[in-house]
Amino acid sequence: PAQPPPDPFRSWMAKRTKSKFPADFRFQGTDGIRSETKLSAVCEPLSPQRLFCEKRVITERFMELYAYAYIRLLISEGAMQPGEPVVIGWDPRDVDGVFTGAAVNGIRKAGAAALVLGIVPTPLVPMFMLWKRARGGLMITASHNPKDQNGIKIFRACRGMKLLPRNDIKLTRCIFDCDDSSIAAMQPVGERVDCREAALDLFVRFSLNPANSWKGDVS
């Protein structure tokens, strides 16, 4: 029988003693990251990066780290300035708000203003992002995966598009370069702005505009 393709996570772990990264290593799949979630307190004493690579586990600290690294990457590349807005929303699976709250904190600790939508349909994040001319968007969701999983999708300021593989590779390296302990000890500096009502109003108006419907008159 045909052999399964090599696991990129374990391939990276096997090579890390020889070089920092294989040139094409990235831990994003076809659309961001998604995996089983566990609280850091019940996990082995490993860094969030190692827990994700070795155990396929997303902790709340990994969520914060992921959001933080992405914003710092945008700032370092000149794609945004500190204090500029980033939109974030999520699906209903994180009932206690531990993981979503961590992602919001990651945005704010990185120096951006978090425009918080709360529980919304995924398309509303890039829609609201473009409407507000925000510098990026994050949706906390694992899509159709089981309810014990979660993840992050990223939308770019350029037409709300997703990251390309080369962007994923760069973000992966940035995440591994971050010191999780230092980030955990930081205080948020960016604003948190509740934009839920404004976003839902935009979604309704956009959806009911005949120009955005294939049904024509929806009066």
C-alpha atoms as a PDB file:
ATOM      1  CA  PRO A   1       0.000   0.000   0.000  1.00  0.00           C
ATOM      2  CA  ALA A   2       1.037   3.610  -0.587  1.00  0.00           C
ATOM      3  CA  GLN A   3       2.868   5.234   2.295  1.00  0.00           C
ATOM      4  CA  PRO A   4       1.226   8.295   3.897  1.00  0.00           C
ATOM      5  CA  PRO A   5       2.924  11.645   3.190  1.00  0.00           C
ATOM      6  CA  PRO A   6       5.508  12.744   5.771  1.00  0.00           C
ATOM      7  CA  ASP A   7       4.179  14.722   8.711  1.00  0.00           C
ATOM      8  CA  PRO A   8       5.581  18.277   8.390  1.00  0.00           C
ATOM      9  CA  PHE A   9       5.419  18.841  12.142  1.00  0.00           C
ATOM     10  CA  ARG A  10       7.454  15.770  13.043  1.00  0.00           C
ATOM     11  CA  SER A  11       9.782  16.399  10.093  1.00  0.00           C
ATOM     12  CA  TRP A  12      10.526  19.827  11.521  1.00  0.00           C
ATOM     13  CA  MET A  13      11.115  18.437  15.010  1.00  0.00           C
ATOM     14  CA  ALA A  14      13.506  15.833  13.601  1.00  0.00           C
ATOM     15  CA  LYS A  15      15.510  18.480  11.729  1.00  0.00           C
ATOM     16  CA  ARG A  16      15.611  21.206  14.362  1.00  0.00           C
ATOM     17  CA  THR A  17      18.989  20.053  15.702  1.00  0.00           C
ATOM     18  CA  LYS A  18      20.501  20.570  12.243  1.00  0.00           C
ATOM     19  CA  SER A  19      18.921  23.874  11.303  1.00  0.00           C
ATOM     20  CA  LYS A  20      16.448  26.302  12.774  1.00  0.00           C
ATOM     21  CA  PHE A  21      13.807  25.643  10.119  1.00  0.00           C
ATOM     22  CA  PRO A  22      13.340  23.697   6.931  1.00  0.00           C
ATOM     23  CA  ALA A  23      12.903  26.374   4.277  1.00  0.00           C
ATOM     24  CA  ASP A  24       9.247  25.580   3.628  1.00  0.00           C
ATOM     25  CA  PHE A  25       8.069  24.736   7.163  1.00  0.00           C
ATOM     26  CA  ARG A  26       4.740  26.219   8.247  1.00  0.00           C
ATOM     27  CA  PHE A  27       2.188  24.949  10.725  1.00  0.00           C
ATOM     28  CA  GLN A  28      -0.813  26.431   8.959  1.00  0.00           C
ATOM     29  CA  GLY A  29      -3.016  24.119   6.911  1.00  0.00           C
ATOM     30  CA  THR A  30      -5.260  25.029   4.017  1.00  0.00           C
ATOM     31  CA  ASP A  31      -6.810  27.904   5.984  1.00  0.00           C
ATOM     32  CA  GLY A  32      -4.999  29.076   9.091  1.00  0.00           C
ATOM     33  CA  ILE A  33      -4.643  26.758  12.074  1.00  0.00           C
ATOM     34  CA  ARG A  34      -7.113  24.452  13.783  1.00  0.00           C
ATOM     35  CA  SER A  35      -6.628  21.697  16.322  1.00  0.00           C
ATOM     36  CA  GLU A  36      -7.680  20.338  19.707  1.00  0.00           C
ATOM     37  CA  THR A  37      -7.750  22.928  22.488  1.00  0.00           C
ATOM     38  CA  LYS A  38      -6.615  22.531  26.084  1.00  0.00           C
ATOM     39  CA  LEU A  39      -5.866  24.944  28.890  1.00  0.00           C
ATOM     40  CA  SER A  40      -2.190  25.519  29.574  1.00  0.00           C
ATOM     41  CA  ALA A  41      -2.685  24.525  33.210  1.00  0.00           C
ATOM     42  CA  VAL A  42      -3.519  20.919  32.296  1.00  0.00           C
ATOM     43  CA  CYS A  43      -0.804  20.500  29.656  1.00  0.00           C
ATOM     44  CA  GLU A  44       2.754  19.302  29.910  1.00  0.00           C
ATOM     45  CA  PRO A  45       5.306  21.983  30.870  1.00  0.00           C
ATOM     46  CA  LEU A  46       6.227  22.784  27.288  1.00  0.00           C
ATOM     47  CA  SER A  47       6.163  26.080  25.414  1.00  0.00           C
ATOM     48  CA  PRO A  48       2.959  26.785  23.438  1.00  0.00           C
ATOM     49  CA  GLN A  49       4.961  26.363  20.226  1.00  0.00           C
ATOM     50  CA  ARG A  50       6.214  22.900  21.206  1.00  0.00           C
ATOM     51  CA  LEU A  51       2.780  21.816  22.440  1.00  0.00           C
ATOM     52  CA  PHE A  52       1.337  22.687  19.054  1.00  0.00           C
ATOM     53  CA  CYS A  53       4.099  21.014  17.069  1.00  0.00           C
ATOM     54  CA  GLU A  54       4.537  17.893  19.171  1.00  0.00           C
ATOM     55  CA  LYS A  55       1.069  17.307  20.624  1.00  0.00           C
ATOM     56  CA  ARG A  56      -1.164  19.111  18.116  1.00  0.00           C
ATOM     57  CA  VAL A  57      -2.686  21.103  20.984  1.00  0.00           C
ATOM     58  CA  ILE A  58      -3.730  24.757  20.921  1.00  0.00           C
ATOM     59  CA  THR A  59      -3.614  26.441  24.316  1.00  0.00           C
ATOM     60  CA  GLU A  60      -4.915  29.882  25.212  1.00  0.00           C
ATOM     61  CA  ARG A  61      -1.277  31.020  25.376  1.00  0.00           C
ATOM     62  CA  PHE A  62      -0.727  29.813  21.821  1.00  0.00           C
ATOM     63  CA  MET A  63      -3.793  31.821  20.709  1.00  0.00           C
ATOM     64  CA  GLU A  64      -2.354  34.943  22.320  1.00  0.00           C
ATOM     65  CA  LEU A  65       1.077  34.264  20.841  1.00  0.00           C
ATOM     66  CA  TYR A  66      -0.327  33.691  17.345  1.00  0.00           C
ATOM     67  CA  ALA A  67      -2.324  36.943  17.349  1.00  0.00           C
ATOM     68  CA  TYR A  68       0.574  38.880  18.871  1.00  0.00           C
ATOM     69  CA  ALA A  69       3.088  37.588  16.332  1.00  0.00           C
ATOM     70  CA  TYR A  70       0.873  38.406  13.368  1.00  0.00           C
ATOM     71  CA  ILE A  71       0.331  42.012  14.463  1.00  0.00           C
ATOM     72  CA  ARG A  72       4.013  42.524  15.238  1.00  0.00           C
ATOM     73  CA  LEU A  73       4.849  41.113  11.805  1.00  0.00           C
ATOM     74  CA  LEU A  74       2.517  43.622  10.136  1.00  0.00           C
ATOM     75  CA  ILE A  75       4.088  46.463  12.098  1.00  0.00           C
ATOM     76  CA  SER A  76       7.644  45.339  11.378  1.00  0.00           C
ATOM     77  CA  GLU A  77       6.885  45.162   7.645  1.00  0.00           C
ATOM     78  CA  GLY A  78       5.327  48.631   7.637  1.00  0.00           C
ATOM     79  CA  ALA A  79       1.883  47.267   6.748  1.00  0.00           C
ATOM     80  CA  MET A  80       0.378  49.006   9.789  1.00  0.00           C
ATOM     81  CA  GLN A  81       1.284  51.440  12.538  1.00  0.00           C
ATOM     82  CA  PRO A  82       0.898  50.900  16.289  1.00  0.00           C
ATOM     83  CA  GLY A  83      -2.603  51.874  17.408  1.00  0.00           C
ATOM     84  CA  GLU A  84      -4.272  51.091  14.074  1.00  0.00           C
ATOM     85  CA  PRO A  85      -7.313  48.773  14.158  1.00  0.00           C
ATOM     86  CA  VAL A  86      -7.567  45.019  13.640  1.00  0.00           C
ATOM     87  CA  VAL A  87     -10.958  43.252  13.528  1.00  0.00           C
ATOM     88  CA  ILE A  88     -11.619  40.054  15.485  1.00  0.00           C
ATOM     89  CA  GLY A  89     -14.685  37.804  15.736  1.00  0.00           C
ATOM     90  CA  TRP A  90     -15.409  34.199  16.672  1.00  0.00           C
ATOM     91  CA  ASP A  91     -17.853  31.307  16.530  1.00  0.00           C
ATOM     92  CA  PRO A  92     -19.794  30.038  19.616  1.00  0.00           C
ATOM     93  CA  ARG A  93     -17.602  27.078  20.601  1.00  0.00           C
ATOM     94  CA  ASP A  94     -15.464  28.874  23.221  1.00  0.00           C
ATOM     95  CA  VAL A  95     -18.258  29.288  25.764  1.00  0.00           C
ATOM     96  CA  ASP A  96     -16.049  30.669  28.544  1.00  0.00           C
ATOM     97  CA  GLY A  97     -14.181  33.059  26.241  1.00  0.00           C
ATOM     98  CA  VAL A  98     -10.760  31.878  27.381  1.00  0.00           C
ATOM     99  CA  PHE A  99      -9.275  31.385  23.916  1.00  0.00           C
ATOM    100  CA  THR A 100     -11.032  34.313  22.254  1.00  0.00           C
ATOM    101  CA  GLY A 101     -10.044  36.577  25.121  1.00  0.00           C
ATOM    102  CA  ALA A 102      -6.431  35.472  24.759  1.00  0.00           C
ATOM    103  CA  ALA A 103      -6.451  36.314  21.045  1.00  0.00           C
ATOM    104  CA  VAL A 104      -7.896  39.767  21.784  1.00  0.00           C
ATOM    105  CA  ASN A 105      -5.145  40.295  24.360  1.00  0.00           C
ATOM    106  CA  GLY A 106      -2.531  39.229  21.821  1.00  0.00           C
ATOM    107  CA  ILE A 107      -3.717  41.926  19.413  1.00  0.00           C
ATOM    108  CA  ARG A 108      -3.706  44.562  22.135  1.00  0.00           C
ATOM    109  CA  LYS A 109      -0.335  43.539  23.575  1.00  0.00           C
ATOM    110  CA  ALA A 110       1.156  43.869  20.097  1.00  0.00           C
ATOM    111  CA  GLY A 111       0.008  47.501  20.048  1.00  0.00           C
ATOM    112  CA  ALA A 112      -3.058  47.382  17.803  1.00  0.00           C
ATOM    113  CA  ALA A 113      -6.627  48.401  18.598  1.00  0.00           C
ATOM    114  CA  ALA A 114      -8.909  45.340  18.701  1.00  0.00           C
ATOM    115  CA  LEU A 115     -12.291  45.948  17.047  1.00  0.00           C
ATOM    116  CA  VAL A 116     -14.269  43.164  18.724  1.00  0.00           C
ATOM    117  CA  LEU A 117     -17.320  41.704  16.948  1.00  0.00           C
ATOM    118  CA  GLY A 118     -18.037  38.735  19.229  1.00  0.00           C
ATOM    119  CA  ILE A 119     -19.970  35.771  17.790  1.00  0.00           C
ATOM    120  CA  VAL A 120     -20.512  36.476  14.085  1.00  0.00           C
ATOM    121  CA  PRO A 121     -20.558  34.668  10.722  1.00  0.00           C
ATOM    122  CA  THR A 122     -17.020  34.298   9.376  1.00  0.00           C
ATOM    123  CA  PRO A 123     -17.591  36.539   6.287  1.00  0.00           C
ATOM    124  CA  LEU A 124     -18.492  39.461   8.532  1.00  0.00           C
ATOM    125  CA  VAL A 125     -14.901  39.776   9.778  1.00  0.00           C
ATOM    126  CA  PRO A 126     -13.363  40.679   6.385  1.00  0.00           C
ATOM    127  CA  MET A 127     -16.477  42.679   5.455  1.00  0.00           C
ATOM    128  CA  PHE A 128     -16.269  44.859   8.560  1.00  0.00           C
ATOM    129  CA  MET A 129     -12.489  45.033   8.223  1.00  0.00           C
ATOM    130  CA  LEU A 130     -12.766  46.485   4.717  1.00  0.00           C
ATOM    131  CA  TRP A 131     -15.579  48.844   5.732  1.00  0.00           C
ATOM    132  CA  LYS A 132     -13.494  50.234   8.626  1.00  0.00           C
ATOM    133  CA  ARG A 133     -10.274  50.148   6.583  1.00  0.00           C
ATOM    134  CA  ALA A 134      -8.684  48.089   9.340  1.00  0.00           C
ATOM    135  CA  ARG A 135      -5.218  46.654   8.837  1.00  0.00           C
ATOM    136  CA  GLY A 136      -6.173  43.011   9.336  1.00  0.00           C
ATOM    137  CA  GLY A 137      -8.792  40.570  10.580  1.00  0.00           C
ATOM    138  CA  LEU A 138      -8.845  37.411  12.704  1.00  0.00           C
ATOM    139  CA  MET A 139     -11.676  34.881  12.989  1.00  0.00           C
ATOM    140  CA  ILE A 140     -11.438  32.424  15.879  1.00  0.00           C
ATOM    141  CA  THR A 141     -13.037  29.255  14.554  1.00  0.00           C
ATOM    142  CA  ALA A 142     -12.296  25.662  13.593  1.00  0.00           C
ATOM    143  CA  SER A 143     -14.967  25.723  10.881  1.00  0.00           C
ATOM    144  CA  HIS A 144     -16.586  22.284  10.546  1.00  0.00           C
ATOM    145  CA  ASN A 145     -14.152  20.559  12.916  1.00  0.00           C
ATOM    146  CA  PRO A 146     -15.455  18.968  16.158  1.00  0.00           C
ATOM    147  CA  LYS A 147     -16.437  21.258  19.024  1.00  0.00           C
ATOM    148  CA  ASP A 148     -13.357  20.361  21.106  1.00  0.00           C
ATOM    149  CA  GLN A 149     -11.188  22.059  18.481  1.00  0.00           C
ATOM    150  CA  ASN A 150     -10.572  25.689  17.620  1.00  0.00           C
ATOM    151  CA  GLY A 151      -8.329  27.758  15.402  1.00  0.00           C
ATOM    152  CA  ILE A 152      -7.610  31.081  13.726  1.00  0.00           C
ATOM    153  CA  LYS A 153      -8.231  32.334  10.201  1.00  0.00           C
ATOM    154  CA  ILE A 154      -6.439  35.503   9.106  1.00  0.00           C
ATOM    155  CA  PHE A 155      -7.716  38.073   6.613  1.00  0.00           C
ATOM    156  CA  ARG A 156      -5.453  40.629   4.991  1.00  0.00           C
ATOM    157  CA  ALA A 157      -6.203  44.307   4.432  1.00  0.00           C
ATOM    158  CA  CYS A 158      -5.827  43.706   0.691  1.00  0.00           C
ATOM    159  CA  ARG A 159      -9.445  42.856  -0.266  1.00  0.00           C
ATOM    160  CA  GLY A 160      -9.866  40.610   2.766  1.00  0.00           C
ATOM    161  CA  MET A 161      -7.766  37.860   1.188  1.00  0.00           C
ATOM    162  CA  LYS A 162      -6.178  34.969   3.112  1.00  0.00           C
ATOM    163  CA  LEU A 163      -2.460  34.468   3.696  1.00  0.00           C
ATOM    164  CA  LEU A 164      -0.400  32.897   0.930  1.00  0.00           C
ATOM    165  CA  PRO A 165       1.997  30.026   1.768  1.00  0.00           C
ATOM    166  CA  ARG A 166       4.969  32.394   1.870  1.00  0.00           C
ATOM    167  CA  ASN A 167       3.089  34.550   4.404  1.00  0.00           C
ATOM    168  CA  ASP A 168       2.385  31.435   6.491  1.00  0.00           C
ATOM    169  CA  ILE A 169       6.083  30.540   6.510  1.00  0.00           C
ATOM    170  CA  LYS A 170       7.062  34.033   7.612  1.00  0.00           C
ATOM    171  CA  LEU A 171       4.418  34.043  10.368  1.00  0.00           C
ATOM    172  CA  THR A 172       5.540  30.609  11.571  1.00  0.00           C
ATOM    173  CA  ARG A 173       9.115  31.811  11.948  1.00  0.00           C
ATOM    174  CA  CYS A 174       7.948  34.938  13.733  1.00  0.00           C
ATOM    175  CA  ILE A 175       5.965  32.830  16.221  1.00  0.00           C
ATOM    176  CA  PHE A 176       8.976  30.661  17.003  1.00  0.00           C
ATOM    177  CA  ASP A 177      11.097  33.767  17.524  1.00  0.00           C
ATOM    178  CA  CYS A 178       8.672  35.099  20.172  1.00  0.00           C
ATOM    179  CA  ASP A 179       9.330  34.578  23.880  1.00  0.00           C
ATOM    180  CA  ASP A 180       6.025  33.322  25.260  1.00  0.00           C
ATOM    181  CA  SER A 181       6.886  34.096  28.883  1.00  0.00           C
ATOM    182  CA  SER A 182       7.634  37.730  28.067  1.00  0.00           C
ATOM    183  CA  ILE A 183       4.384  38.109  26.118  1.00  0.00           C
ATOM    184  CA  ALA A 184       2.365  36.499  28.912  1.00  0.00           C
ATOM    185  CA  ALA A 185       3.758  39.061  31.377  1.00  0.00           C
ATOM    186  CA  MET A 186       2.952  42.065  29.183  1.00  0.00           C
ATOM    187  CA  GLN A 187       0.032  44.417  29.749  1.00  0.00           C
ATOM    188  CA  PRO A 188      -2.280  45.261  26.816  1.00  0.00           C
ATOM    189  CA  VAL A 189      -1.519  48.684  25.347  1.00  0.00           C
ATOM    190  CA  GLY A 190      -3.972  48.803  22.444  1.00  0.00           C
ATOM    191  CA  GLU A 191      -7.634  49.699  22.783  1.00  0.00           C
ATOM    192  CA  ARG A 192     -10.495  47.212  22.924  1.00  0.00           C
ATOM    193  CA  VAL A 193     -13.500  48.582  21.019  1.00  0.00           C
ATOM    194  CA  ASP A 194     -16.905  46.848  21.010  1.00  0.00           C
ATOM    195  CA  CYS A 195     -18.090  46.967  17.393  1.00  0.00           C
ATOM    196  CA  ARG A 196     -20.700  44.200  17.468  1.00  0.00           C
ATOM    197  CA  GLU A 197     -23.810  46.320  16.854  1.00  0.00           C
ATOM    198  CA  ALA A 198     -22.169  48.308  14.065  1.00  0.00           C
ATOM    199  CA  ALA A 199     -20.948  45.103  12.406  1.00  0.00           C
ATOM    200  CA  LEU A 200     -24.342  43.365  12.575  1.00  0.00           C
ATOM    201  CA  ASP A 201     -26.017  46.474  11.142  1.00  0.00           C
ATOM    202  CA  LEU A 202     -23.534  46.454   8.261  1.00  0.00           C
ATOM    203  CA  PHE A 203     -24.188  42.740   7.644  1.00  0.00           C
ATOM    204  CA  VAL A 204     -27.961  43.240   7.470  1.00  0.00           C
ATOM    205  CA  ARG A 205     -27.732  46.273   5.187  1.00  0.00           C
ATOM    206  CA  PHE A 206     -25.255  44.540   2.880  1.00  0.00           C
ATOM    207  CA  SER A 207     -27.337  41.357   2.742  1.00  0.00           C
ATOM    208  CA  LEU A 208     -30.586  43.187   1.972  1.00  0.00           C
ATOM    209  CA  ASN A 209     -29.118  45.417  -0.714  1.00  0.00           C
ATOM    210  CA  PRO A 210     -30.498  44.078  -4.029  1.00  0.00           C
ATOM    211  CA  ALA A 211     -27.156  44.805  -5.681  1.00  0.00           C
ATOM    212  CA  ASN A 212     -25.610  42.098  -3.476  1.00  0.00           C
ATOM    213  CA  SER A 213     -28.310  39.471  -4.131  1.00  0.00           C
ATOM    214  CA  TRP A 214     -28.984  37.136  -7.040  1.00  0.00           C
ATOM    215  CA  LYS A 215     -32.715  37.297  -6.244  1.00  0.00           C
ATOM    216  CA  GLY A 216     -33.237  40.887  -7.319  1.00  0.00           C
ATOM    217  CA  ASP A 217     -35.882  42.779  -5.398  1.00  0.00           C
ATOM    218  CA  VAL A 218     -36.043  41.504  -1.800  1.00  0.00           C
ATOM    219  CA  SER A 219     -38.465  44.148  -0.484  1.00  0.00           C
END
